[in-house]
PDB file of N, CA and C in Angstrom:
ATOM      1  N   MET A   1    -106.973 -35.632  73.516  1.00  0.00           N
ATOM      2  CA  MET A   1    -106.173 -36.419  74.423  1.00  0.00           C
ATOM      3  C   MET A   1    -104.876 -35.660  74.690  1.00  0.00           C
ATOM      4  N   PRO A   2    -104.684 -35.153  75.900  1.00  0.00           N
ATOM      5  CA  PRO A   2    -103.444 -34.459  76.225  1.00  0.00           C
ATOM      6  C   PRO A   2    -102.269 -35.428  76.294  1.00  0.00           C
ATOM      7  N   ILE A   3    -101.156 -34.988  75.737  1.00  0.00           N
ATOM      8  CA  ILE A   3     -99.906 -35.736  75.831  1.00  0.00           C
ATOM      9  C   ILE A   3     -98.873 -34.806  76.449  1.00  0.00           C
ATOM     10  N   VAL A   4     -98.270 -35.240  77.548  1.00  0.00           N
ATOM     11  CA  VAL A   4     -97.290 -34.445  78.261  1.00  0.00           C
ATOM     12  C   VAL A   4     -95.946 -35.158  78.173  1.00  0.00           C
ATOM     13  N   THR A   5     -94.895 -34.443  77.801  1.00  0.00           N
ATOM     14  CA  THR A   5     -93.557 -35.009  77.773  1.00  0.00           C
ATOM     15  C   THR A   5     -92.732 -34.355  78.866  1.00  0.00           C
ATOM     16  N   VAL A   6     -92.121 -35.178  79.703  1.00  0.00           N
ATOM     17  CA  VAL A   6     -91.268 -34.708  80.786  1.00  0.00           C
ATOM     18  C   VAL A   6     -89.837 -35.132  80.463  1.00  0.00           C
ATOM     19  N   GLN A   7     -88.939 -34.170  80.413  1.00  0.00           N
ATOM     20  CA  GLN A   7     -87.528 -34.474  80.211  1.00  0.00           C
ATOM     21  C   GLN A   7     -86.819 -34.189  81.522  1.00  0.00           C
ATOM     22  N   GLN A   8     -86.107 -35.194  82.019  1.00  0.00           N
ATOM     23  CA  GLN A   8     -85.471 -35.048  83.327  1.00  0.00           C
ATOM     24  C   GLN A   8     -84.328 -36.028  83.459  1.00  0.00           C
ATOM     25  N   GLY A   9     -83.582 -35.875  84.535  1.00  0.00           N
ATOM     26  CA  GLY A   9     -82.574 -36.857  84.890  1.00  0.00           C
ATOM     27  C   GLY A   9     -83.257 -38.075  85.482  1.00  0.00           C
ATOM     28  N   PRO A  10     -82.524 -39.155  85.617  1.00  0.00           N
ATOM     29  CA  PRO A  10     -83.107 -40.387  86.162  1.00  0.00           C
ATOM     30  C   PRO A  10     -83.693 -40.193  87.565  1.00  0.00           C
ATOM     31  N   ARG A  11     -84.841 -40.787  87.796  1.00  0.00           N
ATOM     32  CA  ARG A  11     -85.522 -40.761  89.090  1.00  0.00           C
ATOM     33  C   ARG A  11     -85.991 -42.173  89.420  1.00  0.00           C
ATOM     34  N   THR A  12     -86.355 -42.404  90.662  1.00  0.00           N
ATOM     35  CA  THR A  12     -86.857 -43.712  91.067  1.00  0.00           C
ATOM     36  C   THR A  12     -88.262 -43.921  90.497  1.00  0.00           C
ATOM     37  N   VAL A  13     -88.653 -45.174  90.436  1.00  0.00           N
ATOM     38  CA  VAL A  13     -89.994 -45.509  89.961  1.00  0.00           C
ATOM     39  C   VAL A  13     -91.051 -44.871  90.857  1.00  0.00           C
ATOM     40  N   GLU A  14     -90.798 -44.839  92.157  1.00  0.00           N
ATOM     41  CA  GLU A  14     -91.770 -44.242  93.084  1.00  0.00           C
ATOM     42  C   GLU A  14     -91.981 -42.762  92.789  1.00  0.00           C
ATOM     43  N   LEU A  15     -90.895 -42.032  92.546  1.00  0.00           N
ATOM     44  CA  LEU A  15     -91.018 -40.610  92.229  1.00  0.00           C
ATOM     45  C   LEU A  15     -91.740 -40.399  90.898  1.00  0.00           C
ATOM     46  N   LYS A  16     -91.457 -41.253  89.922  1.00  0.00           N
ATOM     47  CA  LYS A  16     -92.130 -41.129  88.620  1.00  0.00           C
ATOM     48  C   LYS A  16     -93.622 -41.433  88.751  1.00  0.00           C
ATOM     49  N   ARG A  17     -93.979 -42.415  89.561  1.00  0.00           N
ATOM     50  CA  ARG A  17     -95.406 -42.711  89.776  1.00  0.00           C
ATOM     51  C   ARG A  17     -96.116 -41.490  90.358  1.00  0.00           C
ATOM     52  N   ASP A  18     -95.502 -40.867  91.359  1.00  0.00           N
ATOM     53  CA  ASP A  18     -96.088 -39.691  91.996  1.00  0.00           C
ATOM     54  C   ASP A  18     -96.202 -38.535  91.003  1.00  0.00           C
ATOM     55  N   LEU A  19     -95.160 -38.308  90.216  1.00  0.00           N
ATOM     56  CA  LEU A  19     -95.180 -37.240  89.215  1.00  0.00           C
ATOM     57  C   LEU A  19     -96.290 -37.457  88.192  1.00  0.00           C
ATOM     58  N   VAL A  20     -96.405 -38.677  87.679  1.00  0.00           N
ATOM     59  CA  VAL A  20     -97.431 -38.995  86.678  1.00  0.00           C
ATOM     60  C   VAL A  20     -98.835 -38.779  87.256  1.00  0.00           C
ATOM     61  N   ARG A  21     -99.043 -39.194  88.494  1.00  0.00           N
ATOM     62  CA  ARG A  21    -100.351 -38.999  89.128  1.00  0.00           C
ATOM     63  C   ARG A  21    -100.677 -37.519  89.256  1.00  0.00           C
ATOM     64  N   LYS A  22     -99.703 -36.728  89.690  1.00  0.00           N
ATOM     65  CA  LYS A  22     -99.942 -35.298  89.880  1.00  0.00           C
ATOM     66  C   LYS A  22    -100.155 -34.566  88.557  1.00  0.00           C
ATOM     67  N   ILE A  23     -99.402 -34.935  87.538  1.00  0.00           N
ATOM     68  CA  ILE A  23     -99.602 -34.321  86.219  1.00  0.00           C
ATOM     69  C   ILE A  23    -100.982 -34.675  85.691  1.00  0.00           C
ATOM     70  N   THR A  24    -101.355 -35.936  85.810  1.00  0.00           N
ATOM     71  CA  THR A  24    -102.683 -36.367  85.345  1.00  0.00           C
ATOM     72  C   THR A  24    -103.777 -35.617  86.080  1.00  0.00           C
ATOM     73  N   ASP A  25    -103.671 -35.525  87.402  1.00  0.00           N
ATOM     74  CA  ASP A  25    -104.665 -34.797  88.197  1.00  0.00           C
ATOM     75  C   ASP A  25    -104.768 -33.333  87.764  1.00  0.00           C
ATOM     76  N   ALA A  26    -103.623 -32.714  87.460  1.00  0.00           N
ATOM     77  CA  ALA A  26    -103.631 -31.308  87.031  1.00  0.00           C
ATOM     78  C   ALA A  26    -104.404 -31.135  85.723  1.00  0.00           C
ATOM     79  N   PHE A  27    -104.231 -32.043  84.782  1.00  0.00           N
ATOM     80  CA  PHE A  27    -104.954 -31.950  83.517  1.00  0.00           C
ATOM     81  C   PHE A  27    -106.442 -32.224  83.701  1.00  0.00           C
ATOM     82  N   VAL A  28    -106.753 -33.179  84.552  1.00  0.00           N
ATOM     83  CA  VAL A  28    -108.165 -33.471  84.842  1.00  0.00           C
ATOM     84  C   VAL A  28    -108.825 -32.233  85.441  1.00  0.00           C
ATOM     85  N   ASP A  29    -108.153 -31.597  86.404  1.00  0.00           N
ATOM     86  CA  ASP A  29    -108.706 -30.403  87.053  1.00  0.00           C
ATOM     87  C   ASP A  29    -108.790 -29.211  86.114  1.00  0.00           C
ATOM     88  N   ALA A  30    -107.739 -28.972  85.338  1.00  0.00           N
ATOM     89  CA  ALA A  30    -107.674 -27.774  84.497  1.00  0.00           C
ATOM     90  C   ALA A  30    -108.504 -27.893  83.222  1.00  0.00           C
ATOM     91  N   LEU A  31    -108.501 -29.059  82.607  1.00  0.00           N
ATOM     92  CA  LEU A  31    -109.155 -29.221  81.304  1.00  0.00           C
ATOM     93  C   LEU A  31    -110.447 -30.023  81.356  1.00  0.00           C
ATOM     94  N   HIS A  32    -110.754 -30.576  82.528  1.00  0.00           N
ATOM     95  CA  HIS A  32    -111.975 -31.374  82.696  1.00  0.00           C
ATOM     96  C   HIS A  32    -112.029 -32.535  81.704  1.00  0.00           C
ATOM     97  N   VAL A  33    -110.879 -33.216  81.573  1.00  0.00           N
ATOM     98  CA  VAL A  33    -110.805 -34.402  80.717  1.00  0.00           C
ATOM     99  C   VAL A  33    -110.712 -35.631  81.611  1.00  0.00           C
ATOM    100  N   PRO A  34    -111.107 -36.794  81.108  1.00  0.00           N
ATOM    101  CA  PRO A  34    -110.968 -38.003  81.927  1.00  0.00           C
ATOM    102  C   PRO A  34    -109.495 -38.378  82.082  1.00  0.00           C
ATOM    103  N   ALA A  35    -109.147 -38.895  83.244  1.00  0.00           N
ATOM    104  CA  ALA A  35    -107.769 -39.285  83.520  1.00  0.00           C
ATOM    105  C   ALA A  35    -107.248 -40.273  82.472  1.00  0.00           C
ATOM    106  N   GLU A  36    -108.117 -41.118  81.981  1.00  0.00           N
ATOM    107  CA  GLU A  36    -107.720 -42.131  80.998  1.00  0.00           C
ATOM    108  C   GLU A  36    -107.249 -41.521  79.688  1.00  0.00           C
ATOM    109  N   SER A  37    -107.567 -40.252  79.448  1.00  0.00           N
ATOM    110  CA  SER A  37    -107.155 -39.625  78.192  1.00  0.00           C
ATOM    111  C   SER A  37    -105.795 -38.937  78.288  1.00  0.00           C
ATOM    112  N   VAL A  38    -105.250 -38.821  79.483  1.00  0.00           N
ATOM    113  CA  VAL A  38    -103.978 -38.115  79.681  1.00  0.00           C
ATOM    114  C   VAL A  38    -102.815 -39.098  79.540  1.00  0.00           C
ATOM    115  N   GLN A  39    -101.905 -38.769  78.640  1.00  0.00           N
ATOM    116  CA  GLN A  39    -100.704 -39.578  78.454  1.00  0.00           C
ATOM    117  C   GLN A  39     -99.504 -38.779  78.943  1.00  0.00           C
ATOM    118  N   VAL A  40     -98.624 -39.429  79.694  1.00  0.00           N
ATOM    119  CA  VAL A  40     -97.403 -38.792  80.171  1.00  0.00           C
ATOM    120  C   VAL A  40     -96.218 -39.632  79.704  1.00  0.00           C
ATOM    121  N   TRP A  41     -95.316 -38.988  78.986  1.00  0.00           N
ATOM    122  CA  TRP A  41     -94.119 -39.660  78.502  1.00  0.00           C
ATOM    123  C   TRP A  41     -92.930 -39.094  79.261  1.00  0.00           C
ATOM    124  N   ILE A  42     -92.146 -39.949  79.861  1.00  0.00           N
ATOM    125  CA  ILE A  42     -90.967 -39.519  80.609  1.00  0.00           C
ATOM    126  C   ILE A  42     -89.723 -39.907  79.828  1.00  0.00           C
ATOM    127  N   GLN A  43     -88.928 -38.901  79.503  1.00  0.00           N
ATOM    128  CA  GLN A  43     -87.659 -39.127  78.816  1.00  0.00           C
ATOM    129  C   GLN A  43     -86.545 -38.792  79.805  1.00  0.00           C
ATOM    130  N   GLU A  44     -85.780 -39.797  80.188  1.00  0.00           N
ATOM    131  CA  GLU A  44     -84.715 -39.588  81.157  1.00  0.00           C
ATOM    132  C   GLU A  44     -83.366 -39.479  80.450  1.00  0.00           C
ATOM    133  N   THR A  45     -82.611 -38.483  80.876  1.00  0.00           N
ATOM    134  CA  THR A  45     -81.298 -38.249  80.312  1.00  0.00           C
ATOM    135  C   THR A  45     -80.266 -38.346  81.433  1.00  0.00           C
ATOM    136  N   PRO A  46     -79.250 -39.174  81.273  1.00  0.00           N
ATOM    137  CA  PRO A  46     -78.237 -39.276  82.315  1.00  0.00           C
ATOM    138  C   PRO A  46     -77.488 -37.950  82.501  1.00  0.00           C
ATOM    139  N   ALA A  47     -76.990 -37.743  83.707  1.00  0.00           N
ATOM    140  CA  ALA A  47     -76.307 -36.489  84.041  1.00  0.00           C
ATOM    141  C   ALA A  47     -75.079 -36.233  83.178  1.00  0.00           C
ATOM    142  N   ASP A  48     -74.491 -37.280  82.609  1.00  0.00           N
ATOM    143  CA  ASP A  48     -73.321 -37.071  81.751  1.00  0.00           C
ATOM    144  C   ASP A  48     -73.701 -36.808  80.296  1.00  0.00           C
ATOM    145  N   SER A  49     -75.008 -36.660  80.036  1.00  0.00           N
ATOM    146  CA  SER A  49     -75.478 -36.406  78.672  1.00  0.00           C
ATOM    147  C   SER A  49     -76.235 -35.090  78.542  1.00  0.00           C
ATOM    148  N   TRP A  50     -76.124 -34.225  79.586  1.00  0.00           N
ATOM    149  CA  TRP A  50     -76.728 -32.910  79.461  1.00  0.00           C
ATOM    150  C   TRP A  50     -75.945 -31.917  80.280  1.00  0.00           C
ATOM    151  N   ALA A  51     -75.986 -30.663  79.830  1.00  0.00           N
ATOM    152  CA  ALA A  51     -75.174 -29.629  80.466  1.00  0.00           C
ATOM    153  C   ALA A  51     -75.997 -28.374  80.703  1.00  0.00           C
ATOM    154  N   VAL A  52     -75.563 -27.604  81.700  1.00  0.00           N
ATOM    155  CA  VAL A  52     -76.154 -26.301  81.996  1.00  0.00           C
ATOM    156  C   VAL A  52     -74.992 -25.342  82.215  1.00  0.00           C
ATOM    157  N   GLY A  53     -75.040 -24.207  81.543  1.00  0.00           N
ATOM    158  CA  GLY A  53     -73.993 -23.208  81.730  1.00  0.00           C
ATOM    159  C   GLY A  53     -72.611 -23.683  81.316  1.00  0.00           C
ATOM    160  N   GLY A  54     -72.543 -24.561  80.337  1.00  0.00           N
ATOM    161  CA  GLY A  54     -71.256 -25.033  79.846  1.00  0.00           C
ATOM    162  C   GLY A  54     -70.625 -26.145  80.658  1.00  0.00           C
ATOM    163  N   ARG A  55     -71.353 -26.672  81.645  1.00  0.00           N
ATOM    164  CA  ARG A  55     -70.819 -27.761  82.467  1.00  0.00           C
ATOM    165  C   ARG A  55     -71.792 -28.932  82.475  1.00  0.00           C
ATOM    166  N   LEU A  56     -71.280 -30.137  82.348  1.00  0.00           N
ATOM    167  CA  LEU A  56     -72.127 -31.318  82.471  1.00  0.00           C
ATOM    168  C   LEU A  56     -72.741 -31.324  83.870  1.00  0.00           C
ATOM    169  N   THR A  57     -73.995 -31.707  83.943  1.00  0.00           N
ATOM    170  CA  THR A  57     -74.625 -31.777  85.263  1.00  0.00           C
ATOM    171  C   THR A  57     -73.936 -32.839  86.125  1.00  0.00           C
ATOM    172  N   ALA A  58     -73.324 -33.824  85.525  1.00  0.00           N
ATOM    173  CA  ALA A  58     -72.592 -34.852  86.277  1.00  0.00           C
ATOM    174  C   ALA A  58     -71.400 -34.236  87.021  1.00  0.00           C
ATOM    175  N   ASP A  59     -70.855 -33.146  86.506  1.00  0.00           N
ATOM    176  CA  ASP A  59     -69.691 -32.499  87.116  1.00  0.00           C
ATOM    177  C   ASP A  59     -70.066 -31.501  88.213  1.00  0.00           C
ATOM    178  N   LYS A  60     -71.348 -31.261  88.404  1.00  0.00           N
ATOM    179  CA  LYS A  60     -71.789 -30.260  89.373  1.00  0.00           C
ATOM    180  C   LYS A  60     -72.038 -30.835  90.755  1.00  0.00           C
ATOM    181  N   LYS A  61     -71.774 -32.081  90.952  1.00  0.00           N
ATOM    182  CA  LYS A  61     -72.039 -32.718  92.242  1.00  0.00           C
ATOM    183  C   LYS A  61     -70.940 -32.483  93.231  1.00  0.00           C
TER     184      LYS A  61
END
């Protein structure tokens, strides 16, 4: 049973639904596993709780 963890900033429910469908389809195509066996976990981190290059992503807007 594949388990995929996605770490990202907050997104809308619609975007997450699309992402989960596409990730599931990719595993079904690549590994020939049933869609029901693919688990996708989304961990969202607010922009003020992560940084790139020494700057909070919240400050890059």
